Amino acid sequence: MAGGGGNEQRPLAERLIDLITEDSLAIGDAYPSESKLCERFQVSRTAVRRALGQLEGSGLLETTHGKGRKVRGLPTSPEQP
């Protein structure tokens, strides 16, 4: 998939945060699997894992071994004057 690309120059972690809002996920909802995220964003599993780690570190997601990830917090929109 050479060329194209559109405006998806934002970091993957930001796009994964947006997914919570876009998919209307609530606290406690299951977060999409790594393989689904790889397909949706056309990125490697390594990139997905790195970005998911950032979301977990910021408290938006939690991982339960053998059960996947769940939404733990909702993103806040930065207030702009």
PDB file of N, CA and C in Angstrom:
ATOM      1  N   MET A   1       0.824  -1.195   0.000  1.00  0.00           N
ATOM      2  CA  MET A   1       0.000   0.000   0.000  1.00  0.00           C
ATOM      3  C   MET A   1       0.862   1.250   0.000  1.00  0.00           C
ATOM      4  N   ALA A   2       1.572   1.423  -1.065  1.00  0.00           N
ATOM      5  CA  ALA A   2       2.414   2.607  -1.185  1.00  0.00           C
ATOM      6  C   ALA A   2       1.581   3.808  -1.574  1.00  0.00           C
ATOM      7  N   GLY A   3       2.136   4.984  -1.322  1.00  0.00           N
ATOM      8  CA  GLY A   3       1.444   6.215  -1.677  1.00  0.00           C
ATOM      9  C   GLY A   3       0.361   6.556  -0.670  1.00  0.00           C
ATOM     10  N   GLY A   4      -0.641   7.306  -1.088  1.00  0.00           N
ATOM     11  CA  GLY A   4      -1.811   7.644  -0.273  1.00  0.00           C
ATOM     12  C   GLY A   4      -1.493   7.955   1.167  1.00  0.00           C
ATOM     13  N   GLY A   5      -2.411   7.594   2.065  1.00  0.00           N
ATOM     14  CA  GLY A   5      -2.136   7.763   3.482  1.00  0.00           C
ATOM     15  C   GLY A   5      -3.061   8.730   4.173  1.00  0.00           C
ATOM     16  N   GLY A   6      -3.524   9.755   3.466  1.00  0.00           N
ATOM     17  CA  GLY A   6      -4.451  10.704   4.074  1.00  0.00           C
ATOM     18  C   GLY A   6      -3.807  11.479   5.207  1.00  0.00           C
ATOM     19  N   ASN A   7      -4.597  11.816   6.213  1.00  0.00           N
ATOM     20  CA  ASN A   7      -4.130  12.635   7.328  1.00  0.00           C
ATOM     21  C   ASN A   7      -3.788  11.814   8.564  1.00  0.00           C
ATOM     22  N   GLU A   8      -3.498  10.539   8.410  1.00  0.00           N
ATOM     23  CA  GLU A   8      -3.224   9.695   9.569  1.00  0.00           C
ATOM     24  C   GLU A   8      -1.757   9.759   9.977  1.00  0.00           C
ATOM     25  N   GLN A   9      -1.252  10.971  10.126  1.00  0.00           N
ATOM     26  CA  GLN A   9       0.119  11.157  10.577  1.00  0.00           C
ATOM     27  C   GLN A   9       0.190  11.269  12.093  1.00  0.00           C
ATOM     28  N   ARG A  10      -0.962  11.273  12.734  1.00  0.00           N
ATOM     29  CA  ARG A  10      -0.976  11.362  14.194  1.00  0.00           C
ATOM     30  C   ARG A  10      -0.449  10.067  14.792  1.00  0.00           C
ATOM     31  N   PRO A  11       0.106  10.138  15.997  1.00  0.00           N
ATOM     32  CA  PRO A  11       0.599   8.919  16.638  1.00  0.00           C
ATOM     33  C   PRO A  11      -0.512   7.884  16.782  1.00  0.00           C
ATOM     34  N   LEU A  12      -0.138   6.612  16.666  1.00  0.00           N
ATOM     35  CA  LEU A  12      -1.101   5.525  16.767  1.00  0.00           C
ATOM     36  C   LEU A  12      -1.838   5.566  18.112  1.00  0.00           C
ATOM     37  N   ALA A  13      -1.127   5.890  19.178  1.00  0.00           N
ATOM     38  CA  ALA A  13      -1.769   5.943  20.499  1.00  0.00           C
ATOM     39  C   ALA A  13      -2.943   6.922  20.492  1.00  0.00           C
ATOM     40  N   GLU A  14      -2.791   8.066  19.825  1.00  0.00           N
ATOM     41  CA  GLU A  14      -3.881   9.040  19.753  1.00  0.00           C
ATOM     42  C   GLU A  14      -5.067   8.465  18.989  1.00  0.00           C
ATOM     43  N   ARG A  15      -4.775   7.732  17.908  1.00  0.00           N
ATOM     44  CA  ARG A  15      -5.857   7.145  17.125  1.00  0.00           C
ATOM     45  C   ARG A  15      -6.561   6.043  17.923  1.00  0.00           C
ATOM     46  N   LEU A  16      -5.809   5.312  18.755  1.00  0.00           N
ATOM     47  CA  LEU A  16      -6.427   4.273  19.595  1.00  0.00           C
ATOM     48  C   LEU A  16      -7.307   4.902  20.672  1.00  0.00           C
ATOM     49  N   ILE A  17      -6.904   6.063  21.163  1.00  0.00           N
ATOM     50  CA  ILE A  17      -7.739   6.787  22.136  1.00  0.00           C
ATOM     51  C   ILE A  17      -9.027   7.234  21.450  1.00  0.00           C
ATOM     52  N   ASP A  18      -8.903   7.763  20.228  1.00  0.00           N
ATOM     53  CA  ASP A  18     -10.085   8.202  19.487  1.00  0.00           C
ATOM     54  C   ASP A  18     -11.056   7.052  19.249  1.00  0.00           C
ATOM     55  N   LEU A  19     -10.535   5.845  19.101  1.00  0.00           N
ATOM     56  CA  LEU A  19     -11.369   4.674  18.852  1.00  0.00           C
ATOM     57  C   LEU A  19     -12.384   4.479  19.983  1.00  0.00           C
ATOM     58  N   ILE A  20     -12.001   4.801  21.215  1.00  0.00           N
ATOM     59  CA  ILE A  20     -12.927   4.673  22.351  1.00  0.00           C
ATOM     60  C   ILE A  20     -14.168   5.519  22.094  1.00  0.00           C
ATOM     61  N   THR A  21     -13.958   6.743  21.626  1.00  0.00           N
ATOM     62  CA  THR A  21     -15.075   7.649  21.337  1.00  0.00           C
ATOM     63  C   THR A  21     -15.809   7.224  20.073  1.00  0.00           C
ATOM     64  N   GLU A  22     -15.045   6.919  19.005  1.00  0.00           N
ATOM     65  CA  GLU A  22     -15.650   6.564  17.720  1.00  0.00           C
ATOM     66  C   GLU A  22     -16.543   5.333  17.831  1.00  0.00           C
ATOM     67  N   ASP A  23     -16.131   4.352  18.625  1.00  0.00           N
ATOM     68  CA  ASP A  23     -16.897   3.115  18.773  1.00  0.00           C
ATOM     69  C   ASP A  23     -17.866   3.180  19.951  1.00  0.00           C
ATOM     70  N   SER A  24     -17.979   4.351  20.574  1.00  0.00           N
ATOM     71  CA  SER A  24     -18.885   4.559  21.713  1.00  0.00           C
ATOM     72  C   SER A  24     -18.660   3.536  22.830  1.00  0.00           C
ATOM     73  N   LEU A  25     -17.391   3.297  23.141  1.00  0.00           N
ATOM     74  CA  LEU A  25     -17.067   2.357  24.211  1.00  0.00           C
ATOM     75  C   LEU A  25     -17.233   3.045  25.563  1.00  0.00           C
ATOM     76  N   ALA A  26     -17.674   2.282  26.547  1.00  0.00           N
ATOM     77  CA  ALA A  26     -17.849   2.801  27.900  1.00  0.00           C
ATOM     78  C   ALA A  26     -16.901   2.067  28.837  1.00  0.00           C
ATOM     79  N   ILE A  27     -16.741   2.590  30.032  1.00  0.00           N
ATOM     80  CA  ILE A  27     -15.892   1.935  31.024  1.00  0.00           C
ATOM     81  C   ILE A  27     -16.420   0.517  31.253  1.00  0.00           C
ATOM     82  N   GLY A  28     -15.497  -0.441  31.214  1.00  0.00           N
ATOM     83  CA  GLY A  28     -15.858  -1.844  31.394  1.00  0.00           C
ATOM     84  C   GLY A  28     -16.076  -2.593  30.095  1.00  0.00           C
ATOM     85  N   ASP A  29     -16.213  -1.863  28.977  1.00  0.00           N
ATOM     86  CA  ASP A  29     -16.393  -2.524  27.682  1.00  0.00           C
ATOM     87  C   ASP A  29     -15.079  -3.156  27.228  1.00  0.00           C
ATOM     88  N   ALA A  30     -15.201  -4.219  26.455  1.00  0.00           N
ATOM     89  CA  ALA A  30     -14.029  -4.873  25.880  1.00  0.00           C
ATOM     90  C   ALA A  30     -13.435  -3.968  24.806  1.00  0.00           C
ATOM     91  N   TYR A  31     -12.096  -3.895  24.790  1.00  0.00           N
ATOM     92  CA  TYR A  31     -11.383  -3.119  23.775  1.00  0.00           C
ATOM     93  C   TYR A  31     -11.013  -4.082  22.645  1.00  0.00           C
ATOM     94  N   PRO A  32     -10.999  -3.636  21.390  1.00  0.00           N
ATOM     95  CA  PRO A  32     -10.681  -4.546  20.286  1.00  0.00           C
ATOM     96  C   PRO A  32      -9.332  -5.247  20.477  1.00  0.00           C
ATOM     97  N   SER A  33      -9.247  -6.457  19.930  1.00  0.00           N
ATOM     98  CA  SER A  33      -8.025  -7.263  20.042  1.00  0.00           C
ATOM     99  C   SER A  33      -6.883  -6.663  19.234  1.00  0.00           C
ATOM    100  N   GLU A  34      -5.670  -7.107  19.547  1.00  0.00           N
ATOM    101  CA  GLU A  34      -4.497  -6.632  18.805  1.00  0.00           C
ATOM    102  C   GLU A  34      -4.652  -6.912  17.312  1.00  0.00           C
ATOM    103  N   SER A  35      -5.127  -8.111  16.966  1.00  0.00           N
ATOM    104  CA  SER A  35      -5.245  -8.448  15.543  1.00  0.00           C
ATOM    105  C   SER A  35      -6.260  -7.548  14.843  1.00  0.00           C
ATOM    106  N   LYS A  36      -7.365  -7.232  15.504  1.00  0.00           N
ATOM    107  CA  LYS A  36      -8.357  -6.323  14.904  1.00  0.00           C
ATOM    108  C   LYS A  36      -7.778  -4.918  14.739  1.00  0.00           C
ATOM    109  N   LEU A  37      -6.988  -4.478  15.716  1.00  0.00           N
ATOM    110  CA  LEU A  37      -6.369  -3.147  15.628  1.00  0.00           C
ATOM    111  C   LEU A  37      -5.349  -3.103  14.498  1.00  0.00           C
ATOM    112  N   CYS A  38      -4.591  -4.181  14.318  1.00  0.00           N
ATOM    113  CA  CYS A  38      -3.621  -4.252  13.218  1.00  0.00           C
ATOM    114  C   CYS A  38      -4.337  -4.098  11.882  1.00  0.00           C
ATOM    115  N   GLU A  39      -5.467  -4.783  11.722  1.00  0.00           N
ATOM    116  CA  GLU A  39      -6.234  -4.694  10.479  1.00  0.00           C
ATOM    117  C   GLU A  39      -6.823  -3.302  10.296  1.00  0.00           C
ATOM    118  N   ARG A  40      -7.415  -2.774  11.341  1.00  0.00           N
ATOM    119  CA  ARG A  40      -8.123  -1.491  11.253  1.00  0.00           C
ATOM    120  C   ARG A  40      -7.181  -0.346  10.902  1.00  0.00           C
ATOM    121  N   PHE A  41      -5.989  -0.345  11.503  1.00  0.00           N
ATOM    122  CA  PHE A  41      -5.062   0.769  11.308  1.00  0.00           C
ATOM    123  C   PHE A  41      -3.911   0.450  10.355  1.00  0.00           C
ATOM    124  N   GLN A  42      -3.888  -0.792   9.836  1.00  0.00           N
ATOM    125  CA  GLN A  42      -2.853  -1.204   8.891  1.00  0.00           C
ATOM    126  C   GLN A  42      -1.445  -0.968   9.445  1.00  0.00           C
ATOM    127  N   VAL A  43      -1.220  -1.468  10.669  1.00  0.00           N
ATOM    128  CA  VAL A  43       0.077  -1.334  11.320  1.00  0.00           C
ATOM    129  C   VAL A  43       0.498  -2.692  11.880  1.00  0.00           C
ATOM    130  N   SER A  44       1.750  -2.790  12.284  1.00  0.00           N
ATOM    131  CA  SER A  44       2.267  -4.046  12.822  1.00  0.00           C
ATOM    132  C   SER A  44       1.784  -4.282  14.245  1.00  0.00           C
ATOM    133  N   ARG A  45       1.845  -5.534  14.665  1.00  0.00           N
ATOM    134  CA  ARG A  45       1.465  -5.888  16.030  1.00  0.00           C
ATOM    135  C   ARG A  45       2.390  -5.196  17.036  1.00  0.00           C
ATOM    136  N   THR A  46       3.660  -5.039  16.679  1.00  0.00           N
ATOM    137  CA  THR A  46       4.606  -4.351  17.567  1.00  0.00           C
ATOM    138  C   THR A  46       4.152  -2.917  17.815  1.00  0.00           C
ATOM    139  N   ALA A  47       3.746  -2.221  16.748  1.00  0.00           N
ATOM    140  CA  ALA A  47       3.279  -0.834  16.891  1.00  0.00           C
ATOM    141  C   ALA A  47       2.021  -0.783  17.748  1.00  0.00           C
ATOM    142  N   VAL A  48       1.110  -1.738  17.533  1.00  0.00           N
ATOM    143  CA  VAL A  48      -0.127  -1.779  18.321  1.00  0.00           C
ATOM    144  C   VAL A  48       0.191  -2.008  19.794  1.00  0.00           C
ATOM    145  N   ARG A  49       1.074  -2.961  20.080  1.00  0.00           N
ATOM    146  CA  ARG A  49       1.418  -3.252  21.486  1.00  0.00           C
ATOM    147  C   ARG A  49       2.048  -2.048  22.169  1.00  0.00           C
ATOM    148  N   ARG A  50       2.908  -1.342  21.460  1.00  0.00           N
ATOM    149  CA  ARG A  50       3.554  -0.156  22.026  1.00  0.00           C
ATOM    150  C   ARG A  50       2.504   0.903  22.374  1.00  0.00           C
ATOM    151  N   ALA A  51       1.580   1.152  21.447  1.00  0.00           N
ATOM    152  CA  ALA A  51       0.538   2.155  21.669  1.00  0.00           C
ATOM    153  C   ALA A  51      -0.412   1.720  22.785  1.00  0.00           C
ATOM    154  N   LEU A  52      -0.763   0.435  22.828  1.00  0.00           N
ATOM    155  CA  LEU A  52      -1.634  -0.060  23.896  1.00  0.00           C
ATOM    156  C   LEU A  52      -0.964   0.103  25.255  1.00  0.00           C
ATOM    157  N   GLY A  53       0.354  -0.097  25.292  1.00  0.00           N
ATOM    158  CA  GLY A  53       1.100   0.113  26.530  1.00  0.00           C
ATOM    159  C   GLY A  53       0.988   1.548  27.019  1.00  0.00           C
ATOM    160  N   GLN A  54       0.987   2.486  26.078  1.00  0.00           N
ATOM    161  CA  GLN A  54       0.835   3.899  26.447  1.00  0.00           C
ATOM    162  C   GLN A  54      -0.553   4.148  27.030  1.00  0.00           C
ATOM    163  N   LEU A  55      -1.574   3.544  26.432  1.00  0.00           N
ATOM    164  CA  LEU A  55      -2.939   3.720  26.932  1.00  0.00           C
ATOM    165  C   LEU A  55      -3.108   3.090  28.311  1.00  0.00           C
ATOM    166  N   GLU A  56      -2.479   1.930  28.499  1.00  0.00           N
ATOM    167  CA  GLU A  56      -2.539   1.283  29.817  1.00  0.00           C
ATOM    168  C   GLU A  56      -1.822   2.141  30.849  1.00  0.00           C
ATOM    169  N   GLY A  57      -0.674   2.691  30.470  1.00  0.00           N
ATOM    170  CA  GLY A  57       0.091   3.541  31.378  1.00  0.00           C
ATOM    171  C   GLY A  57      -0.645   4.802  31.776  1.00  0.00           C
ATOM    172  N   SER A  58      -1.504   5.292  30.876  1.00  0.00           N
ATOM    173  CA  SER A  58      -2.253   6.505  31.180  1.00  0.00           C
ATOM    174  C   SER A  58      -3.579   6.202  31.884  1.00  0.00           C
ATOM    175  N   GLY A  59      -3.853   4.911  32.113  1.00  0.00           N
ATOM    176  CA  GLY A  59      -5.051   4.538  32.864  1.00  0.00           C
ATOM    177  C   GLY A  59      -6.317   4.395  32.036  1.00  0.00           C
ATOM    178  N   LEU A  60      -6.211   4.431  30.707  1.00  0.00           N
ATOM    179  CA  LEU A  60      -7.406   4.301  29.873  1.00  0.00           C
ATOM    180  C   LEU A  60      -7.813   2.849  29.649  1.00  0.00           C
ATOM    181  N   LEU A  61      -6.833   1.944  29.681  1.00  0.00           N
ATOM    182  CA  LEU A  61      -7.116   0.527  29.461  1.00  0.00           C
ATOM    183  C   LEU A  61      -6.535  -0.308  30.580  1.00  0.00           C
ATOM    184  N   GLU A  62      -7.122  -1.496  30.791  1.00  0.00           N
ATOM    185  CA  GLU A  62      -6.521  -2.468  31.698  1.00  0.00           C
ATOM    186  C   GLU A  62      -6.537  -3.820  31.006  1.00  0.00           C
ATOM    187  N   THR A  63      -5.520  -4.614  31.278  1.00  0.00           N
ATOM    188  CA  THR A  63      -5.401  -5.927  30.671  1.00  0.00           C
ATOM    189  C   THR A  63      -5.588  -6.994  31.728  1.00  0.00           C
ATOM    190  N   THR A  64      -6.421  -7.969  31.415  1.00  0.00           N
ATOM    191  CA  THR A  64      -6.591  -9.144  32.268  1.00  0.00           C
ATOM    192  C   THR A  64      -6.043 -10.316  31.481  1.00  0.00           C
ATOM    193  N   HIS A  65      -5.025 -10.969  32.036  1.00  0.00           N
ATOM    194  CA  HIS A  65      -4.372 -12.075  31.335  1.00  0.00           C
ATOM    195  C   HIS A  65      -5.400 -13.120  30.923  1.00  0.00           C
ATOM    196  N   GLY A  66      -5.396 -13.460  29.651  1.00  0.00           N
ATOM    197  CA  GLY A  66      -6.307 -14.465  29.134  1.00  0.00           C
ATOM    198  C   GLY A  66      -7.697 -13.951  28.801  1.00  0.00           C
ATOM    199  N   LYS A  67      -7.985 -12.711  29.135  1.00  0.00           N
ATOM    200  CA  LYS A  67      -9.322 -12.163  28.874  1.00  0.00           C
ATOM    201  C   LYS A  67      -9.298 -10.915  28.001  1.00  0.00           C
ATOM    202  N   GLY A  68      -8.124 -10.389  27.715  1.00  0.00           N
ATOM    203  CA  GLY A  68      -8.041  -9.219  26.850  1.00  0.00           C
ATOM    204  C   GLY A  68      -8.061  -7.911  27.620  1.00  0.00           C
ATOM    205  N   ARG A  69      -8.332  -6.855  26.880  1.00  0.00           N
ATOM    206  CA  ARG A  69      -8.302  -5.504  27.451  1.00  0.00           C
ATOM    207  C   ARG A  69      -9.704  -4.953  27.612  1.00  0.00           C
ATOM    208  N   LYS A  70      -9.851  -4.121  28.630  1.00  0.00           N
ATOM    209  CA  LYS A  70     -11.114  -3.421  28.863  1.00  0.00           C
ATOM    210  C   LYS A  70     -10.840  -1.940  29.018  1.00  0.00           C
ATOM    211  N   VAL A  71     -11.855  -1.160  28.703  1.00  0.00           N
ATOM    212  CA  VAL A  71     -11.773   0.279  28.894  1.00  0.00           C
ATOM    213  C   VAL A  71     -11.845   0.553  30.389  1.00  0.00           C
ATOM    214  N   ARG A  72     -10.871   1.292  30.888  1.00  0.00           N
ATOM    215  CA  ARG A  72     -10.808   1.597  32.316  1.00  0.00           C
ATOM    216  C   ARG A  72     -11.145   3.061  32.589  1.00  0.00           C
ATOM    217  N   GLY A  73     -10.904   3.912  31.605  1.00  0.00           N
ATOM    218  CA  GLY A  73     -11.180   5.344  31.743  1.00  0.00           C
ATOM    219  C   GLY A  73     -11.534   5.908  30.389  1.00  0.00           C
ATOM    220  N   LEU A  74     -12.166   7.053  30.388  1.00  0.00           N
ATOM    221  CA  LEU A  74     -12.560   7.691  29.137  1.00  0.00           C
ATOM    222  C   LEU A  74     -11.658   8.889  28.851  1.00  0.00           C
ATOM    223  N   PRO A  75     -11.337   9.100  27.578  1.00  0.00           N
ATOM    224  CA  PRO A  75     -10.472  10.251  27.253  1.00  0.00           C
ATOM    225  C   PRO A  75     -11.186  11.556  27.535  1.00  0.00           C
ATOM    226  N   THR A  76     -10.414  12.528  27.922  1.00  0.00           N
ATOM    227  CA  THR A  76     -10.967  13.862  28.141  1.00  0.00           C
ATOM    228  C   THR A  76     -10.553  14.740  26.982  1.00  0.00           C
ATOM    229  N   SER A  77     -11.448  15.570  26.547  1.00  0.00           N
ATOM    230  CA  SER A  77     -11.129  16.481  25.448  1.00  0.00           C
ATOM    231  C   SER A  77     -10.434  17.702  26.008  1.00  0.00           C
ATOM    232  N   PRO A  78      -9.288  18.054  25.424  1.00  0.00           N
ATOM    233  CA  PRO A  78      -8.616  19.257  25.904  1.00  0.00           C
ATOM    234  C   PRO A  78      -9.482  20.492  25.631  1.00  0.00           C
ATOM    235  N   GLU A  79      -9.665  21.284  26.646  1.00  0.00           N
ATOM    236  CA  GLU A  79     -10.450  22.509  26.490  1.00  0.00           C
ATOM    237  C   GLU A  79      -9.587  23.562  25.799  1.00  0.00           C
ATOM    238  N   GLN A  80     -10.137  24.129  24.734  1.00  0.00           N
ATOM    239  CA  GLN A  80      -9.398  25.169  24.036  1.00  0.00           C
ATOM    240  C   GLN A  80     -10.202  26.459  24.091  1.00  0.00           C
ATOM    241  N   PRO A  81      -9.558  27.563  24.427  1.00  0.00           N
ATOM    242  CA  PRO A  81     -10.281  28.840  24.529  1.00  0.00           C
ATOM    243  C   PRO A  81     -10.855  29.298  23.211  1.00  0.00           C
TER     244      PRO A  81
END
